[in-house]
Structure formats: structure tokens, C-alpha cells
Amino acid sequence: EAMACGIPVIATATGGILELIREGEIGFLVPGKDSDTMAARVSYLRDNPKHCLQMGQSAGALTRKNYDLNAQAKTYLDWFVQMKDSKDLKSLSIIS
């Protein structure tokens, strides 16, 4: 949600978030349970408003490009049609 609002993301480097965050471009990834690095990244964005704004704009653009609601709906509808027409459900993939 932050990315969609044009806000840079600072998140722990775990799970699916690794695939979303472009380090230094739309946000920062920090090691889990590393509050010092998290605080340092927040301070960096506070102290560098131009870079913060630039990162936020990049985050918003990436979200609009890759997570547009119409594109997401079409992906799911296409997947449902594929399921309806498939006899082998194990071969289905939502990712093309």
C-alpha cells in the first residue's frame, strides 16, 4: 500500500518482499530484527528529502505499471477460464 501511495518502503528482507523492493530505488531492505539499520534508513530518508521523493515516485510508478487493478482482474479471469477448460489442474499456473 505504501508503494501505491508513492511512499518509499523500508522492510525486512524476508519472503515475497524480496521480489518487490528494488534496493535504493523504491525503498530499502534490512535484515530481520535489525532495528538499528531500520532506524538508520528512516533517518536517511528524513535527511534526504529529494531522494525520498524520487524513491516514492518510482514506487508509485512501479505499482501502477505492475499491479493495476484491471490487469490483476484480467489475470485472475484468465486463470479461471484456464481452470474451467483444463483437465489437469496440477498444470495450472497464474504466472504466465
N, C-alpha and C. Protein backbone atom coordinates (compact mmCIF):
# COMPACT_ATOMS: atom_id res chain seq x y z
N GLU A 1 0.81 -1.19 0.00
CA GLU A 1 0.00 0.00 0.00
C GLU A 1 0.86 1.25 0.00
N ALA A 2 1.97 1.22 0.71
CA ALA A 2 2.84 2.39 0.74
C ALA A 2 3.35 2.72 -0.66
N MET A 3 3.78 1.69 -1.39
CA MET A 3 4.28 1.91 -2.74
C MET A 3 3.20 2.55 -3.60
N ALA A 4 1.99 2.07 -3.51
CA ALA A 4 0.89 2.60 -4.31
C ALA A 4 0.62 4.06 -3.98
N CYS A 5 0.92 4.46 -2.75
CA CYS A 5 0.72 5.85 -2.32
C CYS A 5 1.94 6.72 -2.61
N GLY A 6 2.98 6.14 -3.23
CA GLY A 6 4.17 6.90 -3.56
C GLY A 6 5.08 7.14 -2.37
N ILE A 7 5.12 6.18 -1.47
CA ILE A 7 5.95 6.28 -0.28
C ILE A 7 7.04 5.20 -0.35
N PRO A 8 8.30 5.58 -0.15
CA PRO A 8 9.36 4.57 -0.15
C PRO A 8 9.12 3.55 0.96
N VAL A 9 9.51 2.32 0.70
CA VAL A 9 9.28 1.24 1.65
C VAL A 9 10.59 0.86 2.33
N ILE A 10 10.52 0.69 3.63
CA ILE A 10 11.64 0.12 4.39
C ILE A 10 11.08 -1.14 5.03
N ALA A 11 11.61 -2.29 4.63
CA ALA A 11 11.03 -3.56 5.08
C ALA A 11 12.14 -4.55 5.40
N THR A 12 11.77 -5.56 6.17
CA THR A 12 12.73 -6.63 6.45
C THR A 12 12.87 -7.52 5.22
N ALA A 13 14.06 -8.00 5.01
CA ALA A 13 14.40 -8.79 3.82
C ALA A 13 13.97 -10.24 4.01
N THR A 14 12.66 -10.47 3.95
CA THR A 14 12.12 -11.81 4.12
C THR A 14 10.99 -12.04 3.13
N GLY A 15 10.77 -13.29 2.80
CA GLY A 15 9.62 -13.68 1.99
C GLY A 15 9.52 -12.98 0.65
N GLY A 16 8.27 -12.78 0.22
CA GLY A 16 7.99 -12.21 -1.09
C GLY A 16 8.41 -10.77 -1.24
N ILE A 17 8.64 -10.09 -0.14
CA ILE A 17 9.03 -8.67 -0.21
C ILE A 17 10.35 -8.52 -0.97
N LEU A 18 11.19 -9.54 -0.94
CA LEU A 18 12.47 -9.50 -1.65
C LEU A 18 12.27 -9.29 -3.14
N GLU A 19 11.16 -9.80 -3.67
CA GLU A 19 10.88 -9.68 -5.10
C GLU A 19 10.29 -8.32 -5.46
N LEU A 20 9.78 -7.60 -4.49
CA LEU A 20 9.11 -6.34 -4.75
C LEU A 20 10.00 -5.11 -4.61
N ILE A 21 10.87 -5.12 -3.64
CA ILE A 21 11.65 -3.93 -3.30
C ILE A 21 12.94 -3.89 -4.10
N ARG A 22 13.10 -2.83 -4.86
CA ARG A 22 14.35 -2.59 -5.56
C ARG A 22 15.20 -1.70 -4.66
N GLU A 23 16.19 -2.31 -4.07
CA GLU A 23 17.03 -1.66 -3.06
C GLU A 23 17.57 -0.32 -3.55
N GLY A 24 17.29 0.74 -2.78
CA GLY A 24 17.77 2.07 -3.08
C GLY A 24 17.00 2.80 -4.16
N GLU A 25 16.13 2.08 -4.87
CA GLU A 25 15.34 2.69 -5.94
C GLU A 25 13.92 3.02 -5.48
N ILE A 26 13.28 2.06 -4.81
CA ILE A 26 11.92 2.32 -4.31
C ILE A 26 11.83 2.12 -2.81
N GLY A 27 12.93 1.72 -2.21
CA GLY A 27 12.94 1.51 -0.77
C GLY A 27 14.21 0.81 -0.34
N PHE A 28 14.16 0.33 0.89
CA PHE A 28 15.32 -0.35 1.46
C PHE A 28 14.89 -1.66 2.12
N LEU A 29 15.76 -2.64 2.03
CA LEU A 29 15.58 -3.90 2.73
C LEU A 29 16.59 -3.97 3.87
N VAL A 30 16.13 -4.37 5.03
CA VAL A 30 17.02 -4.50 6.18
C VAL A 30 16.90 -5.93 6.73
N PRO A 31 17.96 -6.39 7.37
CA PRO A 31 17.88 -7.73 7.97
C PRO A 31 16.81 -7.77 9.06
N GLY A 32 16.19 -8.93 9.22
CA GLY A 32 15.20 -9.10 10.27
C GLY A 32 15.77 -8.80 11.65
N LYS A 33 14.97 -8.21 12.50
CA LYS A 33 15.33 -7.90 13.88
C LYS A 33 16.52 -6.94 13.99
N ASP A 34 16.76 -6.14 12.95
CA ASP A 34 17.87 -5.18 12.97
C ASP A 34 17.29 -3.77 13.08
N SER A 35 16.90 -3.40 14.28
CA SER A 35 16.26 -2.11 14.49
C SER A 35 17.21 -0.94 14.25
N ASP A 36 18.51 -1.15 14.45
CA ASP A 36 19.46 -0.06 14.20
C ASP A 36 19.51 0.30 12.72
N THR A 37 19.55 -0.70 11.86
CA THR A 37 19.57 -0.44 10.42
C THR A 37 18.24 0.15 9.97
N MET A 38 17.14 -0.35 10.51
CA MET A 38 15.82 0.20 10.19
C MET A 38 15.79 1.69 10.54
N ALA A 39 16.23 2.03 11.73
CA ALA A 39 16.24 3.43 12.16
C ALA A 39 17.16 4.27 11.29
N ALA A 40 18.29 3.71 10.88
CA ALA A 40 19.23 4.43 10.02
C ALA A 40 18.61 4.73 8.67
N ARG A 41 17.84 3.79 8.13
CA ARG A 41 17.18 4.00 6.84
C ARG A 41 16.09 5.07 6.95
N VAL A 42 15.34 5.04 8.03
CA VAL A 42 14.32 6.07 8.25
C VAL A 42 14.99 7.44 8.35
N SER A 43 16.07 7.52 9.11
CA SER A 43 16.81 8.78 9.25
C SER A 43 17.36 9.25 7.91
N TYR A 44 17.85 8.31 7.11
CA TYR A 44 18.37 8.67 5.79
C TYR A 44 17.28 9.33 4.95
N LEU A 45 16.10 8.73 4.92
CA LEU A 45 15.02 9.31 4.12
C LEU A 45 14.60 10.68 4.67
N ARG A 46 14.58 10.82 5.98
CA ARG A 46 14.25 12.11 6.59
C ARG A 46 15.27 13.17 6.20
N ASP A 47 16.54 12.79 6.17
CA ASP A 47 17.62 13.73 5.91
C ASP A 47 17.89 13.97 4.43
N ASN A 48 17.28 13.17 3.57
CA ASN A 48 17.48 13.28 2.11
C ASN A 48 16.13 13.35 1.41
N PRO A 49 15.40 14.46 1.59
CA PRO A 49 14.04 14.54 1.06
C PRO A 49 13.94 14.40 -0.46
N LYS A 50 14.96 14.85 -1.18
CA LYS A 50 14.90 14.70 -2.64
C LYS A 50 14.96 13.22 -3.04
N HIS A 51 15.86 12.47 -2.40
CA HIS A 51 15.95 11.05 -2.71
C HIS A 51 14.68 10.33 -2.24
N CYS A 52 14.16 10.74 -1.10
CA CYS A 52 12.92 10.16 -0.59
C CYS A 52 11.78 10.37 -1.59
N LEU A 53 11.65 11.59 -2.10
CA LEU A 53 10.61 11.90 -3.09
C LEU A 53 10.81 11.09 -4.36
N GLN A 54 12.06 11.01 -4.82
CA GLN A 54 12.38 10.25 -6.02
C GLN A 54 12.02 8.77 -5.85
N MET A 55 12.37 8.21 -4.70
CA MET A 55 12.06 6.81 -4.43
C MET A 55 10.55 6.60 -4.37
N GLY A 56 9.84 7.52 -3.75
CA GLY A 56 8.39 7.42 -3.68
C GLY A 56 7.74 7.46 -5.05
N GLN A 57 8.25 8.35 -5.90
CA GLN A 57 7.71 8.43 -7.26
C GLN A 57 7.97 7.14 -8.03
N SER A 58 9.15 6.59 -7.86
CA SER A 58 9.48 5.31 -8.52
C SER A 58 8.60 4.18 -7.99
N ALA A 59 8.34 4.18 -6.69
CA ALA A 59 7.48 3.16 -6.09
C ALA A 59 6.07 3.25 -6.66
N GLY A 60 5.54 4.47 -6.75
CA GLY A 60 4.20 4.65 -7.30
C GLY A 60 4.11 4.21 -8.75
N ALA A 61 5.13 4.57 -9.55
CA ALA A 61 5.14 4.19 -10.96
C ALA A 61 5.20 2.68 -11.13
N LEU A 62 6.05 2.03 -10.33
CA LEU A 62 6.16 0.57 -10.39
C LEU A 62 4.83 -0.10 -10.04
N THR A 63 4.17 0.42 -9.03
CA THR A 63 2.88 -0.14 -8.61
C THR A 63 1.83 0.03 -9.69
N ARG A 64 1.75 1.22 -10.26
CA ARG A 64 0.77 1.46 -11.33
C ARG A 64 1.03 0.55 -12.53
N LYS A 65 2.31 0.33 -12.85
CA LYS A 65 2.66 -0.49 -14.01
C LYS A 65 2.36 -1.97 -13.77
N ASN A 66 2.76 -2.48 -12.60
CA ASN A 66 2.70 -3.93 -12.38
C ASN A 66 1.48 -4.42 -11.61
N TYR A 67 0.79 -3.54 -10.92
CA TYR A 67 -0.30 -4.00 -10.06
C TYR A 67 -1.60 -3.25 -10.32
N ASP A 68 -1.77 -2.81 -11.54
CA ASP A 68 -3.01 -2.15 -11.94
C ASP A 68 -4.18 -3.09 -11.68
N LEU A 69 -5.25 -2.57 -11.12
CA LEU A 69 -6.39 -3.39 -10.75
C LEU A 69 -6.99 -4.11 -11.95
N ASN A 70 -7.07 -3.45 -13.08
CA ASN A 70 -7.63 -4.09 -14.29
C ASN A 70 -6.74 -5.24 -14.75
N ALA A 71 -5.42 -5.05 -14.70
CA ALA A 71 -4.51 -6.12 -15.10
C ALA A 71 -4.62 -7.31 -14.14
N GLN A 72 -4.73 -7.03 -12.85
CA GLN A 72 -4.87 -8.11 -11.87
C GLN A 72 -6.17 -8.88 -12.09
N ALA A 73 -7.26 -8.16 -12.33
CA ALA A 73 -8.55 -8.81 -12.58
C ALA A 73 -8.47 -9.68 -13.82
N LYS A 74 -7.85 -9.18 -14.90
CA LYS A 74 -7.73 -9.96 -16.13
C LYS A 74 -6.90 -11.22 -15.89
N THR A 75 -5.84 -11.11 -15.11
CA THR A 75 -5.01 -12.28 -14.80
C THR A 75 -5.84 -13.36 -14.11
N TYR A 76 -6.64 -12.96 -13.13
CA TYR A 76 -7.47 -13.93 -12.42
C TYR A 76 -8.56 -14.51 -13.33
N LEU A 77 -9.19 -13.68 -14.12
CA LEU A 77 -10.23 -14.19 -15.02
C LEU A 77 -9.64 -15.18 -16.02
N ASP A 78 -8.47 -14.85 -16.57
CA ASP A 78 -7.80 -15.77 -17.50
C ASP A 78 -7.48 -17.09 -16.81
N TRP A 79 -7.06 -17.02 -15.55
CA TRP A 79 -6.73 -18.22 -14.79
C TRP A 79 -7.98 -19.06 -14.55
N PHE A 80 -9.09 -18.41 -14.23
CA PHE A 80 -10.35 -19.14 -14.02
C PHE A 80 -10.80 -19.84 -15.30
N VAL A 81 -10.66 -19.17 -16.43
CA VAL A 81 -11.02 -19.78 -17.71
C VAL A 81 -10.11 -20.98 -17.97
N GLN A 82 -8.83 -20.82 -17.67
CA GLN A 82 -7.88 -21.93 -17.83
C GLN A 82 -8.29 -23.12 -16.96
N MET A 83 -8.69 -22.85 -15.71
CA MET A 83 -9.12 -23.93 -14.81
C MET A 83 -10.37 -24.62 -15.36
N LYS A 84 -11.32 -23.83 -15.84
CA LYS A 84 -12.57 -24.38 -16.37
C LYS A 84 -12.30 -25.29 -17.55
N ASP A 85 -11.33 -24.91 -18.38
CA ASP A 85 -11.05 -25.65 -19.60
C ASP A 85 -10.01 -26.76 -19.43
N SER A 86 -9.37 -26.84 -18.27
CA SER A 86 -8.29 -27.80 -18.08
C SER A 86 -8.79 -29.08 -17.41
N LYS A 87 -8.21 -30.18 -17.85
CA LYS A 87 -8.49 -31.45 -17.21
C LYS A 87 -7.39 -31.77 -16.19
N ASP A 88 -6.22 -31.19 -16.36
CA ASP A 88 -5.08 -31.43 -15.49
C ASP A 88 -4.85 -30.19 -14.62
N LEU A 89 -5.48 -30.13 -13.45
CA LEU A 89 -5.40 -28.95 -12.60
C LEU A 89 -4.00 -28.73 -12.05
N LYS A 90 -3.17 -29.75 -11.99
CA LYS A 90 -1.81 -29.59 -11.46
C LYS A 90 -0.95 -28.76 -12.42
N SER A 91 -1.32 -28.68 -13.70
CA SER A 91 -0.51 -27.94 -14.68
C SER A 91 -0.84 -26.46 -14.71
N LEU A 92 -1.82 -26.03 -13.94
CA LEU A 92 -2.24 -24.64 -13.99
C LEU A 92 -1.23 -23.72 -13.32
N SER A 93 -1.12 -22.55 -13.86
CA SER A 93 -0.25 -21.53 -13.27
C SER A 93 -0.87 -20.18 -13.47
N ILE A 94 -0.88 -19.36 -12.42
CA ILE A 94 -1.40 -17.99 -12.54
C ILE A 94 -0.33 -17.10 -13.15
N ILE A 95 0.92 -17.55 -13.13
CA ILE A 95 2.01 -16.77 -13.69
C ILE A 95 2.27 -17.25 -15.11
N SER A 96 2.22 -16.30 -16.06
CA SER A 96 2.43 -16.69 -17.45
C SER A 96 3.87 -16.59 -17.86
